[in-house]
Amino acid sequence: MRQVMGLVSKLGPKRDFGQYEVLESAGVVSPRAIVPAGSVNMPKYAESGVVPPSLEPTVNSKANIEQLRLAGRTVKKMLDHASTLVQVGTTTDEIDAKMHAFMLQHDVYPSPLNYMGFPKSICTSVNNVSCHGIPDSRPLANGDIVNVDITVFTRAGFHGDSSRTFKVGNVDSKGRELVQVAHDAMMVGIEACGPGLPVNVIGEAIE
């Protein structure tokens, strides 16, 4: 799939959010990457793009929890590698291609790929893009911030999902503050988790 859209952007102060390039439309999205048959374990939607409904909550066994921890550690490794790729002048499409290859090398399937038709192996949300941005041909600019969202599907059949926001070049004070406060809020939410607690304690702690 090749989608060509014009990139229209502005540069200027955005009230209390500092200065950054506002993305109003996407760059060129390159064709979907290929996963060779039999190279990794693939989720059910990998070929069709159709996600089976999940009607019942899952209560994981201790063995499953260990597999989930392994998937989480694998995602951290992916994000650590992604951190070396984010730099001024690099396109998010290039980052996606390198991460796609890196995931296959580590025996995991890139979970976003063809999930309900999603065309890429990772999500890259630049500046004002809130979430699940599609990697494209726009080069990262000095002062950008970009969230890289990575999910992997392991040989054992478990998804690991995480994201990290990176600063590109010299980010202004408001951008740096946004990244730091969001990180700190996430850590507060994690610390609030515990057995027997209602899920809403996480949101309350973050708020």
C-alpha atoms as a PDB file:
ATOM      1  CA  MET A   1       0.000   0.000   0.000  1.00  0.00           C
ATOM      2  CA  ARG A   2       1.389   3.409  -0.955  1.00  0.00           C
ATOM      3  CA  GLN A   3      -0.382   6.474   0.270  1.00  0.00           C
ATOM      4  CA  VAL A   4       0.844   9.885  -0.810  1.00  0.00           C
ATOM      5  CA  MET A   5      -0.292  12.886   1.158  1.00  0.00           C
ATOM      6  CA  GLY A   6       1.069  16.417   1.299  1.00  0.00           C
ATOM      7  CA  LEU A   7       2.852  17.491   4.435  1.00  0.00           C
ATOM      8  CA  VAL A   8       1.557  20.825   5.651  1.00  0.00           C
ATOM      9  CA  SER A   9       3.229  22.182   8.733  1.00  0.00           C
ATOM     10  CA  LYS A  10       3.619  25.380  10.746  1.00  0.00           C
ATOM     11  CA  LEU A  11       6.243  26.580  13.142  1.00  0.00           C
ATOM     12  CA  GLY A  12       5.292  28.853  15.981  1.00  0.00           C
ATOM     13  CA  PRO A  13       4.338  29.193  19.631  1.00  0.00           C
ATOM     14  CA  LYS A  14       1.513  26.924  20.742  1.00  0.00           C
ATOM     15  CA  ARG A  15       0.156  28.659  23.832  1.00  0.00           C
ATOM     16  CA  ASP A  16       1.817  26.954  26.801  1.00  0.00           C
ATOM     17  CA  PHE A  17       3.243  23.998  24.912  1.00  0.00           C
ATOM     18  CA  GLY A  18       6.398  25.557  23.457  1.00  0.00           C
ATOM     19  CA  GLN A  19       7.481  25.595  19.818  1.00  0.00           C
ATOM     20  CA  TYR A  20       7.294  22.574  17.548  1.00  0.00           C
ATOM     21  CA  GLU A  21       6.369  21.659  13.995  1.00  0.00           C
ATOM     22  CA  VAL A  22       2.657  20.893  13.861  1.00  0.00           C
ATOM     23  CA  LEU A  23       1.914  17.857  11.694  1.00  0.00           C
ATOM     24  CA  GLU A  24      -1.359  18.314   9.852  1.00  0.00           C
ATOM     25  CA  SER A  25      -1.012  15.454   7.340  1.00  0.00           C
ATOM     26  CA  ALA A  26       1.234  12.485   6.715  1.00  0.00           C
ATOM     27  CA  GLY A  27       4.235  11.964   4.469  1.00  0.00           C
ATOM     28  CA  VAL A  28       4.579   8.974   2.142  1.00  0.00           C
ATOM     29  CA  VAL A  29       3.781   5.605   3.731  1.00  0.00           C
ATOM     30  CA  SER A  30       5.839   2.861   2.111  1.00  0.00           C
ATOM     31  CA  PRO A  31       4.488  -0.646   1.370  1.00  0.00           C
ATOM     32  CA  ARG A  32       3.918  -3.039   4.247  1.00  0.00           C
ATOM     33  CA  ALA A  33       6.953  -5.083   5.262  1.00  0.00           C
ATOM     34  CA  ILE A  34       7.049  -8.830   4.725  1.00  0.00           C
ATOM     35  CA  VAL A  35       7.389 -11.494   7.419  1.00  0.00           C
ATOM     36  CA  PRO A  36       8.718 -14.698   5.828  1.00  0.00           C
ATOM     37  CA  ALA A  37       6.439 -17.682   6.422  1.00  0.00           C
ATOM     38  CA  GLY A  38       7.643 -19.816   9.328  1.00  0.00           C
ATOM     39  CA  SER A  39      10.259 -17.308  10.485  1.00  0.00           C
ATOM     40  CA  VAL A  40       8.399 -16.370  13.673  1.00  0.00           C
ATOM     41  CA  ASN A  41       5.170 -17.249  15.446  1.00  0.00           C
ATOM     42  CA  MET A  42       2.388 -15.107  14.008  1.00  0.00           C
ATOM     43  CA  PRO A  43      -0.856 -13.983  15.673  1.00  0.00           C
ATOM     44  CA  LYS A  44      -4.162 -15.035  14.113  1.00  0.00           C
ATOM     45  CA  TYR A  45      -4.718 -11.662  12.424  1.00  0.00           C
ATOM     46  CA  ALA A  46      -1.311 -11.551  10.704  1.00  0.00           C
ATOM     47  CA  GLU A  47      -2.642 -12.653   7.318  1.00  0.00           C
ATOM     48  CA  SER A  48      -6.249 -11.438   7.351  1.00  0.00           C
ATOM     49  CA  GLY A  49      -6.031  -8.320   9.504  1.00  0.00           C
ATOM     50  CA  VAL A  50      -9.165  -9.510  11.312  1.00  0.00           C
ATOM     51  CA  VAL A  51      -8.787  -9.517  15.094  1.00  0.00           C
ATOM     52  CA  PRO A  52     -10.748 -12.281  16.860  1.00  0.00           C
ATOM     53  CA  PRO A  53     -13.080 -10.942  19.565  1.00  0.00           C
ATOM     54  CA  SER A  54     -11.997 -11.329  23.174  1.00  0.00           C
ATOM     55  CA  LEU A  55     -15.127 -11.889  25.240  1.00  0.00           C
ATOM     56  CA  GLU A  56     -13.746 -13.236  28.507  1.00  0.00           C
ATOM     57  CA  PRO A  57     -11.124 -11.820  30.860  1.00  0.00           C
ATOM     58  CA  THR A  58      -7.906 -13.811  31.132  1.00  0.00           C
ATOM     59  CA  VAL A  59      -6.626 -15.055  34.489  1.00  0.00           C
ATOM     60  CA  ASN A  60      -2.991 -15.972  33.921  1.00  0.00           C
ATOM     61  CA  SER A  61      -1.158 -18.855  35.532  1.00  0.00           C
ATOM     62  CA  LYS A  62       2.284 -18.397  37.077  1.00  0.00           C
ATOM     63  CA  ALA A  63       3.796 -19.907  33.938  1.00  0.00           C
ATOM     64  CA  ASN A  64       1.918 -17.436  31.757  1.00  0.00           C
ATOM     65  CA  ILE A  65       3.001 -14.534  33.949  1.00  0.00           C
ATOM     66  CA  GLU A  66       6.621 -15.560  33.439  1.00  0.00           C
ATOM     67  CA  GLN A  67       6.039 -15.559  29.692  1.00  0.00           C
ATOM     68  CA  LEU A  68       4.505 -12.090  29.934  1.00  0.00           C
ATOM     69  CA  ARG A  69       7.571 -10.900  31.853  1.00  0.00           C
ATOM     70  CA  LEU A  70       9.775 -12.321  29.119  1.00  0.00           C
ATOM     71  CA  ALA A  71       7.706 -10.493  26.491  1.00  0.00           C
ATOM     72  CA  GLY A  72       8.056  -7.282  28.502  1.00  0.00           C
ATOM     73  CA  ARG A  73      11.834  -7.666  28.746  1.00  0.00           C
ATOM     74  CA  THR A  74      11.947  -8.240  25.001  1.00  0.00           C
ATOM     75  CA  VAL A  75      10.022  -5.006  24.387  1.00  0.00           C
ATOM     76  CA  LYS A  76      12.509  -3.120  26.572  1.00  0.00           C
ATOM     77  CA  LYS A  77      15.315  -4.473  24.404  1.00  0.00           C
ATOM     78  CA  MET A  78      13.444  -3.251  21.327  1.00  0.00           C
ATOM     79  CA  LEU A  79      12.962   0.241  22.784  1.00  0.00           C
ATOM     80  CA  ASP A  80      16.612   0.433  23.814  1.00  0.00           C
ATOM     81  CA  HIS A  81      17.544  -0.312  20.212  1.00  0.00           C
ATOM     82  CA  ALA A  82      15.022   2.216  18.897  1.00  0.00           C
ATOM     83  CA  SER A  83      16.682   4.879  21.052  1.00  0.00           C
ATOM     84  CA  THR A  84      19.839   4.518  18.934  1.00  0.00           C
ATOM     85  CA  LEU A  85      17.888   5.150  15.713  1.00  0.00           C
ATOM     86  CA  VAL A  86      16.056   8.358  16.643  1.00  0.00           C
ATOM     87  CA  GLN A  87      18.047  11.312  15.320  1.00  0.00           C
ATOM     88  CA  VAL A  88      17.653  14.484  13.308  1.00  0.00           C
ATOM     89  CA  GLY A  89      17.151  13.731   9.604  1.00  0.00           C
ATOM     90  CA  THR A  90      16.063  10.117  10.024  1.00  0.00           C
ATOM     91  CA  THR A  91      12.563   9.270   8.823  1.00  0.00           C
ATOM     92  CA  THR A  92      10.177   7.289  10.974  1.00  0.00           C
ATOM     93  CA  ASP A  93       9.814   4.941   7.984  1.00  0.00           C
ATOM     94  CA  GLU A  94      13.525   4.148   8.205  1.00  0.00           C
ATOM     95  CA  ILE A  95      13.189   3.506  11.934  1.00  0.00           C
ATOM     96  CA  ASP A  96      10.245   1.194  11.258  1.00  0.00           C
ATOM     97  CA  ALA A  97      12.205  -0.816   8.668  1.00  0.00           C
ATOM     98  CA  LYS A  98      15.186  -1.251  10.987  1.00  0.00           C
ATOM     99  CA  MET A  99      12.977  -2.202  13.926  1.00  0.00           C
ATOM    100  CA  HIS A 100      11.075  -4.693  11.758  1.00  0.00           C
ATOM    101  CA  ALA A 101      14.338  -6.445  10.897  1.00  0.00           C
ATOM    102  CA  PHE A 102      15.547  -6.280  14.510  1.00  0.00           C
ATOM    103  CA  MET A 103      12.345  -7.896  15.801  1.00  0.00           C
ATOM    104  CA  LEU A 104      12.580 -10.767  13.324  1.00  0.00           C
ATOM    105  CA  GLN A 105      16.215 -11.280  14.333  1.00  0.00           C
ATOM    106  CA  HIS A 106      15.014 -11.666  17.925  1.00  0.00           C
ATOM    107  CA  ASP A 107      12.337 -14.218  17.017  1.00  0.00           C
ATOM    108  CA  VAL A 108       9.285 -12.036  17.623  1.00  0.00           C
ATOM    109  CA  TYR A 109       6.495 -10.805  15.343  1.00  0.00           C
ATOM    110  CA  PRO A 110       5.783  -7.030  15.241  1.00  0.00           C
ATOM    111  CA  SER A 111       2.263  -7.060  16.693  1.00  0.00           C
ATOM    112  CA  PRO A 112       0.962  -3.861  15.031  1.00  0.00           C
ATOM    113  CA  LEU A 113       1.670  -5.233  11.537  1.00  0.00           C
ATOM    114  CA  ASN A 114      -1.715  -5.821   9.834  1.00  0.00           C
ATOM    115  CA  TYR A 115      -3.591  -5.483  13.147  1.00  0.00           C
ATOM    116  CA  MET A 116      -6.941  -4.330  11.730  1.00  0.00           C
ATOM    117  CA  GLY A 117      -4.975  -3.423   8.616  1.00  0.00           C
ATOM    118  CA  PHE A 118      -2.296  -1.284  10.305  1.00  0.00           C
ATOM    119  CA  PRO A 119       0.454  -0.965   7.665  1.00  0.00           C
ATOM    120  CA  LYS A 120       3.584  -0.776   9.803  1.00  0.00           C
ATOM    121  CA  SER A 121       5.562  -2.721  12.412  1.00  0.00           C
ATOM    122  CA  ILE A 122       5.762   0.054  15.011  1.00  0.00           C
ATOM    123  CA  CYS A 123       3.822   3.234  15.810  1.00  0.00           C
ATOM    124  CA  THR A 124       5.598   6.598  15.734  1.00  0.00           C
ATOM    125  CA  SER A 125       3.729   9.636  17.057  1.00  0.00           C
ATOM    126  CA  VAL A 126       5.547  12.908  16.387  1.00  0.00           C
ATOM    127  CA  ASN A 127       4.805  16.180  18.224  1.00  0.00           C
ATOM    128  CA  ASN A 128       1.034  16.780  18.166  1.00  0.00           C
ATOM    129  CA  VAL A 129       0.160  13.253  16.960  1.00  0.00           C
ATOM    130  CA  SER A 130      -1.500  11.773  20.040  1.00  0.00           C
ATOM    131  CA  CYS A 131      -1.005   8.037  19.504  1.00  0.00           C
ATOM    132  CA  HIS A 132      -0.571   5.222  16.964  1.00  0.00           C
ATOM    133  CA  GLY A 133       1.047   7.426  14.320  1.00  0.00           C
ATOM    134  CA  ILE A 134       2.023   5.644  11.096  1.00  0.00           C
ATOM    135  CA  PRO A 135       5.743   5.789  10.177  1.00  0.00           C
ATOM    136  CA  ASP A 136       6.297   7.754   6.971  1.00  0.00           C
ATOM    137  CA  SER A 137       8.780   9.689   4.860  1.00  0.00           C
ATOM    138  CA  ARG A 138       8.985  12.880   6.958  1.00  0.00           C
ATOM    139  CA  PRO A 139      12.503  13.327   8.389  1.00  0.00           C
ATOM    140  CA  LEU A 140      12.631  13.976  12.115  1.00  0.00           C
ATOM    141  CA  ALA A 141      13.459  17.633  12.746  1.00  0.00           C
ATOM    142  CA  ASN A 142      15.535  19.292  15.421  1.00  0.00           C
ATOM    143  CA  GLY A 143      13.202  20.019  18.357  1.00  0.00           C
ATOM    144  CA  ASP A 144      10.736  17.203  17.662  1.00  0.00           C
ATOM    145  CA  ILE A 145       9.594  14.721  20.247  1.00  0.00           C
ATOM    146  CA  VAL A 146       8.523  11.272  19.047  1.00  0.00           C
ATOM    147  CA  ASN A 147       6.778   8.468  20.883  1.00  0.00           C
ATOM    148  CA  VAL A 148       7.834   5.038  19.630  1.00  0.00           C
ATOM    149  CA  ASP A 149       5.233   2.396  20.489  1.00  0.00           C
ATOM    150  CA  ILE A 150       6.390  -1.212  20.145  1.00  0.00           C
ATOM    151  CA  THR A 151       4.468  -4.441  20.674  1.00  0.00           C
ATOM    152  CA  VAL A 152       5.901  -7.903  20.030  1.00  0.00           C
ATOM    153  CA  PHE A 153       4.309 -11.332  19.739  1.00  0.00           C
ATOM    154  CA  THR A 154       6.557 -14.061  21.106  1.00  0.00           C
ATOM    155  CA  ARG A 155       7.146 -17.642  20.068  1.00  0.00           C
ATOM    156  CA  ALA A 156       5.164 -18.686  23.170  1.00  0.00           C
ATOM    157  CA  GLY A 157       2.131 -16.670  21.991  1.00  0.00           C
ATOM    158  CA  PHE A 158       2.239 -13.629  24.291  1.00  0.00           C
ATOM    159  CA  HIS A 159       2.208  -9.927  23.451  1.00  0.00           C
ATOM    160  CA  GLY A 160       4.543  -7.469  25.153  1.00  0.00           C
ATOM    161  CA  ASP A 161       3.613  -3.805  24.712  1.00  0.00           C
ATOM    162  CA  SER A 162       5.354  -0.586  25.718  1.00  0.00           C
ATOM    163  CA  SER A 163       6.360   2.811  24.396  1.00  0.00           C
ATOM    164  CA  ARG A 164       8.902   5.510  25.070  1.00  0.00           C
ATOM    165  CA  THR A 165       9.080   9.155  24.056  1.00  0.00           C
ATOM    166  CA  PHE A 166      12.378  10.428  22.667  1.00  0.00           C
ATOM    167  CA  LYS A 167      13.688  13.969  22.276  1.00  0.00           C
ATOM    168  CA  VAL A 168      15.131  14.776  18.839  1.00  0.00           C
ATOM    169  CA  GLY A 169      18.051  17.206  18.885  1.00  0.00           C
ATOM    170  CA  ASN A 170      17.570  20.345  20.956  1.00  0.00           C
ATOM    171  CA  VAL A 171      14.043  20.251  22.398  1.00  0.00           C
ATOM    172  CA  ASP A 172      12.728  23.396  24.076  1.00  0.00           C
ATOM    173  CA  SER A 173      12.008  23.557  27.809  1.00  0.00           C
ATOM    174  CA  LYS A 174       8.263  22.921  27.400  1.00  0.00           C
ATOM    175  CA  GLY A 175       8.906  19.820  25.318  1.00  0.00           C
ATOM    176  CA  ARG A 176      11.431  18.506  27.833  1.00  0.00           C
ATOM    177  CA  GLU A 177       8.972  19.188  30.659  1.00  0.00           C
ATOM    178  CA  LEU A 178       6.183  17.327  28.837  1.00  0.00           C
ATOM    179  CA  VAL A 179       8.341  14.247  28.337  1.00  0.00           C
ATOM    180  CA  GLN A 180       9.556  14.256  31.953  1.00  0.00           C
ATOM    181  CA  VAL A 181       6.137  14.796  33.555  1.00  0.00           C
ATOM    182  CA  ALA A 182       4.566  12.075  31.411  1.00  0.00           C
ATOM    183  CA  HIS A 183       7.321   9.664  32.430  1.00  0.00           C
ATOM    184  CA  ASP A 184       6.958  10.548  36.105  1.00  0.00           C
ATOM    185  CA  ALA A 185       3.168  10.105  35.919  1.00  0.00           C
ATOM    186  CA  MET A 186       3.648   6.653  34.403  1.00  0.00           C
ATOM    187  CA  MET A 187       5.987   5.633  37.236  1.00  0.00           C
ATOM    188  CA  VAL A 188       3.494   6.876  39.842  1.00  0.00           C
ATOM    189  CA  GLY A 189       0.802   4.766  38.178  1.00  0.00           C
ATOM    190  CA  ILE A 190       3.032   1.693  38.205  1.00  0.00           C
ATOM    191  CA  GLU A 191       3.839   2.187  41.885  1.00  0.00           C
ATOM    192  CA  ALA A 192       0.100   2.347  42.665  1.00  0.00           C
ATOM    193  CA  CYS A 193      -0.512  -1.142  41.269  1.00  0.00           C
ATOM    194  CA  GLY A 194      -0.985  -4.045  43.644  1.00  0.00           C
ATOM    195  CA  PRO A 195      -2.928  -7.262  44.256  1.00  0.00           C
ATOM    196  CA  GLY A 196      -6.568  -6.792  45.176  1.00  0.00           C
ATOM    197  CA  LEU A 197      -6.680  -3.103  44.300  1.00  0.00           C
ATOM    198  CA  PRO A 198      -9.252  -1.649  41.892  1.00  0.00           C
ATOM    199  CA  VAL A 199      -7.821  -0.589  38.549  1.00  0.00           C
ATOM    200  CA  ASN A 200      -8.939   3.015  39.062  1.00  0.00           C
ATOM    201  CA  VAL A 201      -6.267   3.572  41.741  1.00  0.00           C
ATOM    202  CA  ILE A 202      -3.800   3.856  38.846  1.00  0.00           C
ATOM    203  CA  GLY A 203      -5.700   6.745  37.248  1.00  0.00           C
ATOM    204  CA  GLU A 204      -6.238   8.427  40.602  1.00  0.00           C
ATOM    205  CA  ALA A 205      -2.516   8.325  41.370  1.00  0.00           C
ATOM    206  CA  ILE A 206      -1.630   9.732  37.973  1.00  0.00           C
ATOM    207  CA  GLU A 207      -4.249  12.494  38.231  1.00  0.00           C
END
